[in-house]
PDB file of all heavy atoms in Angstrom:
ATOM      1  N   VAL A   1      42.688  68.848  -7.232  1.00  0.00           N
ATOM      2  CA  VAL A   1      42.338  67.654  -7.906  1.00  0.00           C
ATOM      3  C   VAL A   1      40.790  67.673  -8.236  1.00  0.00           C
ATOM      4  O   VAL A   1      40.355  66.720  -8.870  1.00  0.00           O
ATOM      5  CB  VAL A   1      42.638  66.440  -7.013  1.00  0.00           C
ATOM      6  CG1 VAL A   1      44.059  66.400  -6.615  1.00  0.00           C
ATOM      7  CG2 VAL A   1      41.701  66.423  -5.766  1.00  0.00           C
ATOM      8  N   LYS A   2      40.073  68.746  -7.965  1.00  0.00           N
ATOM      9  CA  LYS A   2      38.718  68.790  -8.302  1.00  0.00           C
ATOM     10  C   LYS A   2      38.467  68.697  -9.756  1.00  0.00           C
ATOM     11  O   LYS A   2      39.205  69.263 -10.553  1.00  0.00           O
ATOM     12  CB  LYS A   2      38.086  70.117  -7.789  1.00  0.00           C
ATOM     13  CG  LYS A   2      37.912  70.175  -6.248  1.00  0.00           C
ATOM     14  CD  LYS A   2      37.284  71.423  -5.822  1.00  0.00           C
ATOM     15  CE  LYS A   2      37.027  71.522  -4.291  1.00  0.00           C
ATOM     16  NZ  LYS A   2      36.467  72.774  -3.913  1.00  0.00           N
ATOM     17  N   GLY A   3      37.542  67.880 -10.095  1.00  0.00           N
ATOM     18  CA  GLY A   3      37.256  67.640 -11.540  1.00  0.00           C
ATOM     19  C   GLY A   3      38.151  66.507 -12.178  1.00  0.00           C
ATOM     20  O   GLY A   3      37.764  66.129 -13.306  1.00  0.00           O
ATOM     21  N   ARG A   4      39.123  66.079 -11.477  1.00  0.00           N
ATOM     22  CA  ARG A   4      40.014  65.031 -11.963  1.00  0.00           C
ATOM     23  C   ARG A   4      39.925  63.781 -11.198  1.00  0.00           C
ATOM     24  O   ARG A   4      40.093  62.717 -11.734  1.00  0.00           O
ATOM     25  CB  ARG A   4      41.481  65.613 -12.057  1.00  0.00           C
ATOM     26  CG  ARG A   4      41.652  66.837 -12.926  1.00  0.00           C
ATOM     27  CD  ARG A   4      43.103  67.146 -13.176  1.00  0.00           C
ATOM     28  NE  ARG A   4      43.803  67.416 -11.896  1.00  0.00           N
ATOM     29  CZ  ARG A   4      44.781  66.785 -11.368  1.00  0.00           C
ATOM     30  NH1 ARG A   4      45.288  65.764 -12.040  1.00  0.00           N
ATOM     31  NH2 ARG A   4      45.419  67.155 -10.209  1.00  0.00           N
ATOM     32  N   PHE A   5      39.835  63.947  -9.870  1.00  0.00           N
ATOM     33  CA  PHE A   5      39.843  62.776  -9.015  1.00  0.00           C
ATOM     34  C   PHE A   5      38.523  62.495  -8.449  1.00  0.00           C
ATOM     35  O   PHE A   5      37.690  63.433  -8.155  1.00  0.00           O
ATOM     36  CB  PHE A   5      40.854  62.967  -7.821  1.00  0.00           C
ATOM     37  CG  PHE A   5      42.290  63.053  -8.151  1.00  0.00           C
ATOM     38  CD1 PHE A   5      42.716  63.049  -9.507  1.00  0.00           C
ATOM     39  CD2 PHE A   5      43.300  63.047  -7.191  1.00  0.00           C
ATOM     40  CE1 PHE A   5      44.068  63.053  -9.768  1.00  0.00           C
ATOM     41  CE2 PHE A   5      44.572  63.036  -7.464  1.00  0.00           C
ATOM     42  CZ  PHE A   5      45.047  63.079  -8.775  1.00  0.00           C
ATOM     43  N   THR A   6      38.133  61.211  -8.149  1.00  0.00           N
ATOM     44  CA  THR A   6      36.934  60.878  -7.592  1.00  0.00           C
ATOM     45  C   THR A   6      37.190  59.832  -6.500  1.00  0.00           C
ATOM     46  O   THR A   6      37.759  58.816  -6.744  1.00  0.00           O
ATOM     47  CB  THR A   6      35.957  60.305  -8.571  1.00  0.00           C
ATOM     48  OG1 THR A   6      35.755  61.268  -9.651  1.00  0.00           O
ATOM     49  CG2 THR A   6      34.566  59.966  -7.945  1.00  0.00           C
ATOM     50  N   ILE A   7      36.706  60.174  -5.306  1.00  0.00           N
ATOM     51  CA  ILE A   7      36.834  59.187  -4.172  1.00  0.00           C
ATOM     52  C   ILE A   7      35.486  58.521  -3.964  1.00  0.00           C
ATOM     53  O   ILE A   7      34.404  59.080  -4.195  1.00  0.00           O
ATOM     54  CB  ILE A   7      37.244  59.880  -2.855  1.00  0.00           C
ATOM     55  CG1 ILE A   7      37.466  58.837  -1.809  1.00  0.00           C
ATOM     56  CG2 ILE A   7      36.181  60.877  -2.375  1.00  0.00           C
ATOM     57  CD1 ILE A   7      38.099  59.421  -0.561  1.00  0.00           C
ATOM     58  N   SER A   8      35.483  57.236  -3.720  1.00  0.00           N
ATOM     59  CA  SER A   8      34.266  56.495  -3.489  1.00  0.00           C
ATOM     60  C   SER A   8      34.611  55.383  -2.432  1.00  0.00           C
ATOM     61  O   SER A   8      35.707  55.058  -2.222  1.00  0.00           O
ATOM     62  CB  SER A   8      33.759  55.876  -4.857  1.00  0.00           C
ATOM     63  OG  SER A   8      34.730  54.976  -5.404  1.00  0.00           O
ATOM     64  N   ARG A   9      33.510  54.836  -1.973  1.00  0.00           N
ATOM     65  CA  ARG A   9      33.736  53.701  -0.992  1.00  0.00           C
ATOM     66  C   ARG A   9      32.603  52.667  -1.133  1.00  0.00           C
ATOM     67  O   ARG A   9      31.468  53.038  -1.522  1.00  0.00           O
ATOM     68  CB  ARG A   9      33.799  54.208   0.510  1.00  0.00           C
ATOM     69  CG  ARG A   9      32.487  54.879   1.000  1.00  0.00           C
ATOM     70  CD  ARG A   9      32.692  55.564   2.293  1.00  0.00           C
ATOM     71  NE  ARG A   9      32.983  54.689   3.475  1.00  0.00           N
ATOM     72  CZ  ARG A   9      33.406  55.056   4.621  1.00  0.00           C
ATOM     73  NH1 ARG A   9      33.551  56.311   4.902  1.00  0.00           N
ATOM     74  NH2 ARG A   9      33.585  54.133   5.566  1.00  0.00           N
ATOM     75  N   ASP A  10      32.995  51.512  -0.756  1.00  0.00           N
ATOM     76  CA  ASP A  10      32.011  50.348  -0.835  1.00  0.00           C
ATOM     77  C   ASP A  10      32.083  49.798   0.557  1.00  0.00           C
ATOM     78  O   ASP A  10      32.997  48.887   0.837  1.00  0.00           O
ATOM     79  CB  ASP A  10      32.236  49.413  -1.909  1.00  0.00           C
ATOM     80  CG  ASP A  10      31.211  48.301  -2.012  1.00  0.00           C
ATOM     81  OD1 ASP A  10      30.510  48.060  -1.099  1.00  0.00           O
ATOM     82  OD2 ASP A  10      31.013  47.804  -3.162  1.00  0.00           O
ATOM     83  N   ASN A  11      31.189  50.109   1.408  1.00  0.00           N
ATOM     84  CA  ASN A  11      31.285  49.654   2.834  1.00  0.00           C
ATOM     85  C   ASN A  11      31.020  48.100   2.941  1.00  0.00           C
ATOM     86  O   ASN A  11      31.607  47.412   3.738  1.00  0.00           O
ATOM     87  CB  ASN A  11      30.229  50.369   3.683  1.00  0.00           C
ATOM     88  CG  ASN A  11      30.566  51.824   3.904  1.00  0.00           C
ATOM     89  OD1 ASN A  11      31.752  52.209   3.849  1.00  0.00           O
ATOM     90  ND2 ASN A  11      29.537  52.617   4.143  1.00  0.00           N
ATOM     91  N   ALA A  12      30.195  47.567   2.057  1.00  0.00           N
ATOM     92  CA  ALA A  12      29.925  46.177   1.977  1.00  0.00           C
ATOM     93  C   ALA A  12      31.254  45.363   1.709  1.00  0.00           C
ATOM     94  O   ALA A  12      31.412  44.214   2.176  1.00  0.00           O
ATOM     95  CB  ALA A  12      28.866  45.812   1.060  1.00  0.00           C
ATOM     96  N   LYS A  13      32.114  45.969   0.881  1.00  0.00           N
ATOM     97  CA  LYS A  13      33.359  45.322   0.454  1.00  0.00           C
ATOM     98  C   LYS A  13      34.579  45.778   1.301  1.00  0.00           C
ATOM     99  O   LYS A  13      35.653  45.363   1.012  1.00  0.00           O
ATOM    100  CB  LYS A  13      33.515  45.499  -1.043  1.00  0.00           C
ATOM    101  CG  LYS A  13      32.602  44.870  -1.892  1.00  0.00           C
ATOM    102  CD  LYS A  13      32.864  45.105  -3.381  1.00  0.00           C
ATOM    103  CE  LYS A  13      31.907  44.457  -4.280  1.00  0.00           C
ATOM    104  NZ  LYS A  13      32.163  44.711  -5.723  1.00  0.00           N
ATOM    105  N   ASN A  14      34.310  46.698   2.275  1.00  0.00           N
ATOM    106  CA  ASN A  14      35.361  47.319   3.061  1.00  0.00           C
ATOM    107  C   ASN A  14      36.526  47.935   2.103  1.00  0.00           C
ATOM    108  O   ASN A  14      37.628  47.728   2.353  1.00  0.00           O
ATOM    109  CB  ASN A  14      35.988  46.242   3.946  1.00  0.00           C
ATOM    110  CG  ASN A  14      35.063  45.748   5.015  1.00  0.00           C
ATOM    111  OD1 ASN A  14      34.130  46.568   5.486  1.00  0.00           O
ATOM    112  ND2 ASN A  14      35.143  44.532   5.506  1.00  0.00           N
ATOM    113  N   MET A  15      35.989  48.621   1.152  1.00  0.00           N
ATOM    114  CA  MET A  15      36.969  49.232   0.199  1.00  0.00           C
ATOM    115  C   MET A  15      36.700  50.739   0.010  1.00  0.00           C
ATOM    116  O   MET A  15      35.589  51.186   0.137  1.00  0.00           O
ATOM    117  CB  MET A  15      36.820  48.532  -1.155  1.00  0.00           C
ATOM    118  CG  MET A  15      37.094  47.091  -1.188  1.00  0.00           C
ATOM    119  SD  MET A  15      38.908  46.735  -1.007  1.00  0.00           S
ATOM    120  CE  MET A  15      39.488  47.342  -2.624  1.00  0.00           C
ATOM    121  N   VAL A  16      37.767  51.465  -0.205  1.00  0.00           N
ATOM    122  CA  VAL A  16      37.699  52.819  -0.632  1.00  0.00           C
ATOM    123  C   VAL A  16      38.563  53.044  -1.864  1.00  0.00           C
ATOM    124  O   VAL A  16      39.669  52.442  -1.941  1.00  0.00           O
ATOM    125  CB  VAL A  16      38.032  53.844   0.536  1.00  0.00           C
ATOM    126  CG1 VAL A  16      39.440  53.587   1.009  1.00  0.00           C
ATOM    127  CG2 VAL A  16      37.856  55.288   0.109  1.00  0.00           C
ATOM    128  N   TYR A  17      38.193  53.891  -2.777  1.00  0.00           N
ATOM    129  CA  TYR A  17      38.866  53.967  -4.077  1.00  0.00           C
ATOM    130  C   TYR A  17      39.203  55.483  -4.321  1.00  0.00           C
ATOM    131  O   TYR A  17      38.534  56.365  -3.844  1.00  0.00           O
ATOM    132  CB  TYR A  17      38.021  53.494  -5.197  1.00  0.00           C
ATOM    133  CG  TYR A  17      37.523  52.087  -4.969  1.00  0.00           C
ATOM    134  CD1 TYR A  17      36.224  51.867  -4.427  1.00  0.00           C
ATOM    135  CD2 TYR A  17      38.287  50.992  -5.290  1.00  0.00           C
ATOM    136  CE1 TYR A  17      35.788  50.603  -4.250  1.00  0.00           C
ATOM    137  CE2 TYR A  17      37.885  49.701  -5.104  1.00  0.00           C
ATOM    138  CZ  TYR A  17      36.507  49.520  -4.648  1.00  0.00           C
ATOM    139  OH  TYR A  17      36.032  48.288  -4.408  1.00  0.00           O
ATOM    140  N   LEU A  18      40.247  55.705  -5.148  1.00  0.00           N
ATOM    141  CA  LEU A  18      40.519  56.981  -5.628  1.00  0.00           C
ATOM    142  C   LEU A  18      40.770  56.889  -7.139  1.00  0.00           C
ATOM    143  O   LEU A  18      41.827  56.293  -7.529  1.00  0.00           O
ATOM    144  CB  LEU A  18      41.722  57.627  -4.901  1.00  0.00           C
ATOM    145  CG  LEU A  18      42.014  59.084  -5.361  1.00  0.00           C
ATOM    146  CD1 LEU A  18      40.892  60.016  -4.873  1.00  0.00           C
ATOM    147  CD2 LEU A  18      43.350  59.473  -4.853  1.00  0.00           C
ATOM    148  N   GLN A  19      39.814  57.261  -7.959  1.00  0.00           N
ATOM    149  CA  GLN A  19      40.030  57.294  -9.397  1.00  0.00           C
ATOM    150  C   GLN A  19      40.678  58.582  -9.733  1.00  0.00           C
ATOM    151  O   GLN A  19      40.168  59.668  -9.518  1.00  0.00           O
ATOM    152  CB  GLN A  19      38.655  57.159 -10.105  1.00  0.00           C
ATOM    153  CG  GLN A  19      38.729  57.222 -11.566  1.00  0.00           C
ATOM    154  CD  GLN A  19      39.461  56.058 -12.175  1.00  0.00           C
ATOM    155  OE1 GLN A  19      39.200  54.905 -11.812  1.00  0.00           O
ATOM    156  NE2 GLN A  19      40.377  56.283 -13.145  1.00  0.00           N
ATOM    157  N   MET A  20      41.805  58.505 -10.365  1.00  0.00           N
ATOM    158  CA  MET A  20      42.599  59.666 -10.770  1.00  0.00           C
ATOM    159  C   MET A  20      42.705  59.714 -12.300  1.00  0.00           C
ATOM    160  O   MET A  20      43.230  58.885 -12.921  1.00  0.00           O
ATOM    161  CB  MET A  20      43.964  59.607 -10.169  1.00  0.00           C
ATOM    162  CG  MET A  20      44.045  59.413  -8.658  1.00  0.00           C
ATOM    163  SD  MET A  20      45.656  59.411  -7.931  1.00  0.00           S
ATOM    164  CE  MET A  20      46.305  57.911  -8.660  1.00  0.00           C
ATOM    165  N   ASN A  21      42.150  60.857 -12.820  1.00  0.00           N
ATOM    166  CA  ASN A  21      42.184  61.057 -14.275  1.00  0.00           C
ATOM    167  C   ASN A  21      42.986  62.317 -14.551  1.00  0.00           C
ATOM    168  O   ASN A  21      43.217  63.130 -13.710  1.00  0.00           O
ATOM    169  CB  ASN A  21      40.780  61.169 -14.753  1.00  0.00           C
ATOM    170  CG  ASN A  21      39.949  59.931 -14.597  1.00  0.00           C
ATOM    171  OD1 ASN A  21      40.392  58.836 -14.658  1.00  0.00           O
ATOM    172  ND2 ASN A  21      38.668  60.134 -14.365  1.00  0.00           N
ATOM    173  N   SER A  22      43.333  62.418 -15.806  1.00  0.00           N
ATOM    174  CA  SER A  22      44.076  63.648 -16.285  1.00  0.00           C
ATOM    175  C   SER A  22      45.254  63.904 -15.326  1.00  0.00           C
ATOM    176  O   SER A  22      45.438  65.046 -14.912  1.00  0.00           O
ATOM    177  CB  SER A  22      43.130  64.879 -16.316  1.00  0.00           C
ATOM    178  OG  SER A  22      42.046  64.605 -17.212  1.00  0.00           O
ATOM    179  N   LEU A  23      46.030  62.896 -15.066  1.00  0.00           N
ATOM    180  CA  LEU A  23      47.106  63.037 -14.146  1.00  0.00           C
ATOM    181  C   LEU A  23      48.261  63.961 -14.671  1.00  0.00           C
ATOM    182  O   LEU A  23      48.513  64.062 -15.839  1.00  0.00           O
ATOM    183  CB  LEU A  23      47.745  61.676 -13.783  1.00  0.00           C
ATOM    184  CG  LEU A  23      46.831  60.864 -12.850  1.00  0.00           C
ATOM    185  CD1 LEU A  23      47.135  59.296 -12.997  1.00  0.00           C
ATOM    186  CD2 LEU A  23      47.085  61.299 -11.431  1.00  0.00           C
ATOM    187  N   LYS A  24      48.814  64.703 -13.769  1.00  0.00           N
ATOM    188  CA  LYS A  24      49.854  65.675 -13.938  1.00  0.00           C
ATOM    189  C   LYS A  24      51.118  65.217 -13.226  1.00  0.00           C
ATOM    190  O   LYS A  24      51.042  64.584 -12.207  1.00  0.00           O
ATOM    191  CB  LYS A  24      49.387  67.043 -13.561  1.00  0.00           C
ATOM    192  CG  LYS A  24      48.098  67.562 -14.154  1.00  0.00           C
ATOM    193  CD  LYS A  24      47.688  68.876 -13.529  1.00  0.00           C
ATOM    194  CE  LYS A  24      46.390  69.377 -14.120  1.00  0.00           C
ATOM    195  NZ  LYS A  24      45.996  70.713 -13.507  1.00  0.00           N
ATOM    196  N   PRO A  25      52.227  65.728 -13.721  1.00  0.00           N
ATOM    197  CA  PRO A  25      53.483  65.367 -13.025  1.00  0.00           C
ATOM    198  C   PRO A  25      53.467  65.814 -11.516  1.00  0.00           C
ATOM    199  O   PRO A  25      54.019  65.118 -10.709  1.00  0.00           O
ATOM    200  CB  PRO A  25      54.538  66.159 -13.828  1.00  0.00           C
ATOM    201  CG  PRO A  25      53.931  66.240 -15.139  1.00  0.00           C
ATOM    202  CD  PRO A  25      52.531  66.341 -15.039  1.00  0.00           C
ATOM    203  N   GLU A  26      52.709  66.893 -11.302  1.00  0.00           N
ATOM    204  CA  GLU A  26      52.678  67.389  -9.862  1.00  0.00           C
ATOM    205  C   GLU A  26      51.827  66.517  -9.025  1.00  0.00           C
ATOM    206  O   GLU A  26      51.764  66.766  -7.777  1.00  0.00           O
ATOM    207  CB  GLU A  26      52.165  68.887  -9.830  1.00  0.00           C
ATOM    208  CG  GLU A  26      50.893  69.084 -10.609  1.00  0.00           C
ATOM    209  CD  GLU A  26      51.252  69.673 -12.010  1.00  0.00           C
ATOM    210  OE1 GLU A  26      52.139  69.154 -12.684  1.00  0.00           O
ATOM    211  OE2 GLU A  26      50.584  70.699 -12.424  1.00  0.00           O
ATOM    212  N   ASP A  27      51.195  65.575  -9.606  1.00  0.00           N
ATOM    213  CA  ASP A  27      50.387  64.626  -8.744  1.00  0.00           C
ATOM    214  C   ASP A  27      51.312  63.501  -8.194  1.00  0.00           C
ATOM    215  O   ASP A  27      50.885  62.668  -7.421  1.00  0.00           O
ATOM    216  CB  ASP A  27      49.282  63.945  -9.587  1.00  0.00           C
ATOM    217  CG  ASP A  27      48.269  64.865  -9.969  1.00  0.00           C
ATOM    218  OD1 ASP A  27      47.816  65.690  -9.148  1.00  0.00           O
ATOM    219  OD2 ASP A  27      47.770  64.780 -11.108  1.00  0.00           O
ATOM    220  N   THR A  28      52.583  63.482  -8.668  1.00  0.00           N
ATOM    221  CA  THR A  28      53.494  62.488  -8.240  1.00  0.00           C
ATOM    222  C   THR A  28      53.709  62.625  -6.654  1.00  0.00           C
ATOM    223  O   THR A  28      54.052  63.635  -6.133  1.00  0.00           O
ATOM    224  CB  THR A  28      54.894  62.665  -8.939  1.00  0.00           C
ATOM    225  OG1 THR A  28      54.711  62.380 -10.295  1.00  0.00           O
ATOM    226  CG2 THR A  28      55.886  61.684  -8.281  1.00  0.00           C
ATOM    227  N   ALA A  29      53.508  61.495  -6.027  1.00  0.00           N
ATOM    228  CA  ALA A  29      53.561  61.460  -4.497  1.00  0.00           C
ATOM    229  C   ALA A  29      53.370  60.040  -4.088  1.00  0.00           C
ATOM    230  O   ALA A  29      52.928  59.195  -4.772  1.00  0.00           O
ATOM    231  CB  ALA A  29      52.542  62.439  -3.913  1.00  0.00           C
ATOM    232  N   VAL A  30      53.596  59.842  -2.737  1.00  0.00           N
ATOM    233  CA  VAL A  30      53.155  58.647  -2.109  1.00  0.00           C
ATOM    234  C   VAL A  30      51.714  58.922  -1.615  1.00  0.00           C
ATOM    235  O   VAL A  30      51.535  59.987  -0.910  1.00  0.00           O
ATOM    236  CB  VAL A  30      53.990  58.248  -0.894  1.00  0.00           C
ATOM    237  CG1 VAL A  30      53.484  57.026  -0.237  1.00  0.00           C
ATOM    238  CG2 VAL A  30      55.473  57.963  -1.404  1.00  0.00           C
ATOM    239  N   TYR A  31      50.791  58.070  -1.970  1.00  0.00           N
ATOM    240  CA  TYR A  31      49.403  58.223  -1.548  1.00  0.00           C
ATOM    241  C   TYR A  31      49.071  57.394  -0.377  1.00  0.00           C
ATOM    242  O   TYR A  31      49.367  56.137  -0.499  1.00  0.00           O
ATOM    243  CB  TYR A  31      48.526  57.985  -2.767  1.00  0.00           C
ATOM    244  CG  TYR A  31      48.469  59.109  -3.763  1.00  0.00           C
ATOM    245  CD1 TYR A  31      49.594  59.431  -4.583  1.00  0.00           C
ATOM    246  CD2 TYR A  31      47.394  59.875  -3.882  1.00  0.00           C
ATOM    247  CE1 TYR A  31      49.605  60.409  -5.393  1.00  0.00           C
ATOM    248  CE2 TYR A  31      47.326  60.976  -4.824  1.00  0.00           C
ATOM    249  CZ  TYR A  31      48.415  61.224  -5.562  1.00  0.00           C
ATOM    250  OH  TYR A  31      48.428  62.284  -6.457  1.00  0.00           O
ATOM    251  N   TYR A  32      48.446  57.871   0.589  1.00  0.00           N
ATOM    252  CA  TYR A  32      48.128  57.090   1.779  1.00  0.00           C
ATOM    253  C   TYR A  32      46.617  57.120   2.036  1.00  0.00           C
ATOM    254  O   TYR A  32      45.944  58.117   1.904  1.00  0.00           O
ATOM    255  CB  TYR A  32      48.734  57.783   2.992  1.00  0.00           C
ATOM    256  CG  TYR A  32      50.267  57.783   3.026  1.00  0.00           C
ATOM    257  CD1 TYR A  32      50.928  58.905   2.504  1.00  0.00           C
ATOM    258  CD2 TYR A  32      51.014  56.773   3.607  1.00  0.00           C
ATOM    259  CE1 TYR A  32      52.313  58.956   2.491  1.00  0.00           C
ATOM    260  CE2 TYR A  32      52.351  56.821   3.551  1.00  0.00           C
ATOM    261  CZ  TYR A  32      53.006  57.881   3.024  1.00  0.00           C
ATOM    262  OH  TYR A  32      54.422  57.906   3.054  1.00  0.00           O
ATOM    263  N   CYS A  33      46.130  55.974   2.386  1.00  0.00           N
ATOM    264  CA  CYS A  33      44.746  55.811   2.824  1.00  0.00           C
ATOM    265  C   CYS A  33      44.615  56.024   4.298  1.00  0.00           C
ATOM    266  O   CYS A  33      45.544  55.728   5.049  1.00  0.00           O
ATOM    267  CB  CYS A  33      44.259  54.361   2.443  1.00  0.00           C
ATOM    268  SG  CYS A  33      42.507  54.028   2.817  1.00  0.00           S
ATOM    269  N   ASN A  34      43.517  56.751   4.627  1.00  0.00           N
ATOM    270  CA  ASN A  34      43.357  57.086   6.057  1.00  0.00           C
ATOM    271  C   ASN A  34      41.952  56.792   6.525  1.00  0.00           C
ATOM    272  O   ASN A  34      40.979  56.989   5.798  1.00  0.00           O
ATOM    273  CB  ASN A  34      43.644  58.579   6.192  1.00  0.00           C
ATOM    274  CG  ASN A  34      43.200  59.105   7.578  1.00  0.00           C
ATOM    275  OD1 ASN A  34      42.200  59.771   7.649  1.00  0.00           O
ATOM    276  ND2 ASN A  34      44.010  58.897   8.558  1.00  0.00           N
ATOM    277  N   ALA A  35      41.860  56.344   7.759  1.00  0.00           N
ATOM    278  CA  ALA A  35      40.563  56.145   8.384  1.00  0.00           C
ATOM    279  C   ALA A  35      40.515  57.035   9.616  1.00  0.00           C
ATOM    280  O   ALA A  35      41.373  56.918  10.480  1.00  0.00           O
ATOM    281  CB  ALA A  35      40.281  54.627   8.722  1.00  0.00           C
ATOM    282  N   LYS A  36      39.549  57.880   9.697  1.00  0.00           N
ATOM    283  CA  LYS A  36      39.391  58.873  10.751  1.00  0.00           C
ATOM    284  C   LYS A  36      38.198  58.551  11.575  1.00  0.00           C
ATOM    285  O   LYS A  36      37.043  58.521  11.028  1.00  0.00           O
ATOM    286  CB  LYS A  36      39.337  60.281  10.229  1.00  0.00           C
ATOM    287  CG  LYS A  36      39.177  61.330  11.390  1.00  0.00           C
ATOM    288  CD  LYS A  36      39.086  62.690  10.797  1.00  0.00           C
ATOM    289  CE  LYS A  36      38.841  63.750  11.821  1.00  0.00           C
ATOM    290  NZ  LYS A  36      38.821  65.114  11.237  1.00  0.00           N
ATOM    291  N   GLY A  37      38.319  58.180  12.794  1.00  0.00           N
ATOM    292  CA  GLY A  37      37.156  57.976  13.658  1.00  0.00           C
ATOM    293  C   GLY A  37      36.345  59.194  13.935  1.00  0.00           C
ATOM    294  O   GLY A  37      36.942  60.217  14.247  1.00  0.00           O
ATOM    295  N   VAL A  38      35.070  59.069  13.725  1.00  0.00           N
ATOM    296  CA  VAL A  38      34.149  60.180  13.924  1.00  0.00           C
ATOM    297  C   VAL A  38      33.123  59.959  14.931  1.00  0.00           C
ATOM    298  O   VAL A  38      32.349  61.001  15.267  1.00  0.00           O
ATOM    299  CB  VAL A  38      33.535  60.602  12.551  1.00  0.00           C
ATOM    300  CG1 VAL A  38      34.585  61.080  11.495  1.00  0.00           C
ATOM    301  CG2 VAL A  38      32.697  59.506  11.992  1.00  0.00           C
ATOM    302  N   ILE A  39      32.947  58.861  15.488  1.00  0.00           N
ATOM    303  CA  ILE A  39      31.972  58.561  16.517  1.00  0.00           C
ATOM    304  C   ILE A  39      32.651  57.947  17.720  1.00  0.00           C
ATOM    305  O   ILE A  39      33.474  57.051  17.619  1.00  0.00           O
ATOM    306  CB  ILE A  39      30.877  57.596  15.928  1.00  0.00           C
ATOM    307  CG1 ILE A  39      30.177  58.165  14.781  1.00  0.00           C
ATOM    308  CG2 ILE A  39      29.945  57.158  17.035  1.00  0.00           C
ATOM    309  CD1 ILE A  39      29.182  57.256  14.092  1.00  0.00           C
ATOM    310  N   ILE A  40      32.282  58.533  18.878  1.00  0.00           N
ATOM    311  CA  ILE A  40      32.824  57.968  20.172  1.00  0.00           C
ATOM    312  C   ILE A  40      32.464  56.470  20.195  1.00  0.00           C
ATOM    313  O   ILE A  40      31.349  56.104  19.954  1.00  0.00           O
ATOM    314  CB  ILE A  40      32.223  58.772  21.344  1.00  0.00           C
ATOM    315  CG1 ILE A  40      32.732  60.244  21.244  1.00  0.00           C
ATOM    316  CG2 ILE A  40      32.594  58.096  22.660  1.00  0.00           C
ATOM    317  CD1 ILE A  40      32.120  61.136  22.326  1.00  0.00           C
ATOM    318  N   PRO A  41      33.324  55.613  20.689  1.00  0.00           N
ATOM    319  CA  PRO A  41      34.689  55.869  21.317  1.00  0.00           C
ATOM    320  C   PRO A  41      35.907  56.022  20.397  1.00  0.00           C
ATOM    321  O   PRO A  41      36.983  56.084  20.939  1.00  0.00           O
ATOM    322  CB  PRO A  41      34.786  54.663  22.193  1.00  0.00           C
ATOM    323  CG  PRO A  41      34.153  53.524  21.491  1.00  0.00           C
ATOM    324  CD  PRO A  41      33.053  54.180  20.779  1.00  0.00           C
ATOM    325  N   VAL A  42      35.625  55.891  19.089  1.00  0.00           N
ATOM    326  CA  VAL A  42      36.749  55.989  18.211  1.00  0.00           C
ATOM    327  C   VAL A  42      37.090  57.308  17.633  1.00  0.00           C
ATOM    328  O   VAL A  42      38.005  57.481  16.897  1.00  0.00           O
ATOM    329  CB  VAL A  42      36.633  54.950  16.985  1.00  0.00           C
ATOM    330  CG1 VAL A  42      36.472  53.523  17.527  1.00  0.00           C
ATOM    331  CG2 VAL A  42      35.454  55.356  16.134  1.00  0.00           C
ATOM    332  N   ALA A  43      36.205  58.285  18.000  1.00  0.00           N
ATOM    333  CA  ALA A  43      36.435  59.652  17.518  1.00  0.00           C
ATOM    334  C   ALA A  43      37.783  60.150  17.864  1.00  0.00           C
ATOM    335  O   ALA A  43      38.263  59.966  18.985  1.00  0.00           O
ATOM    336  CB  ALA A  43      35.389  60.558  18.077  1.00  0.00           C
TER     337      ALA A  43
END
């Protein structure tokens, strides 16, 4: 997806986005948002 998709986030709005351009049939899927803890105690 490099060069076609762009991920961004707006922490003030508690939002994360995925802009998908030049979509291909092989991009067909269920897309899931994920939050991964990186700092103790949520790591």
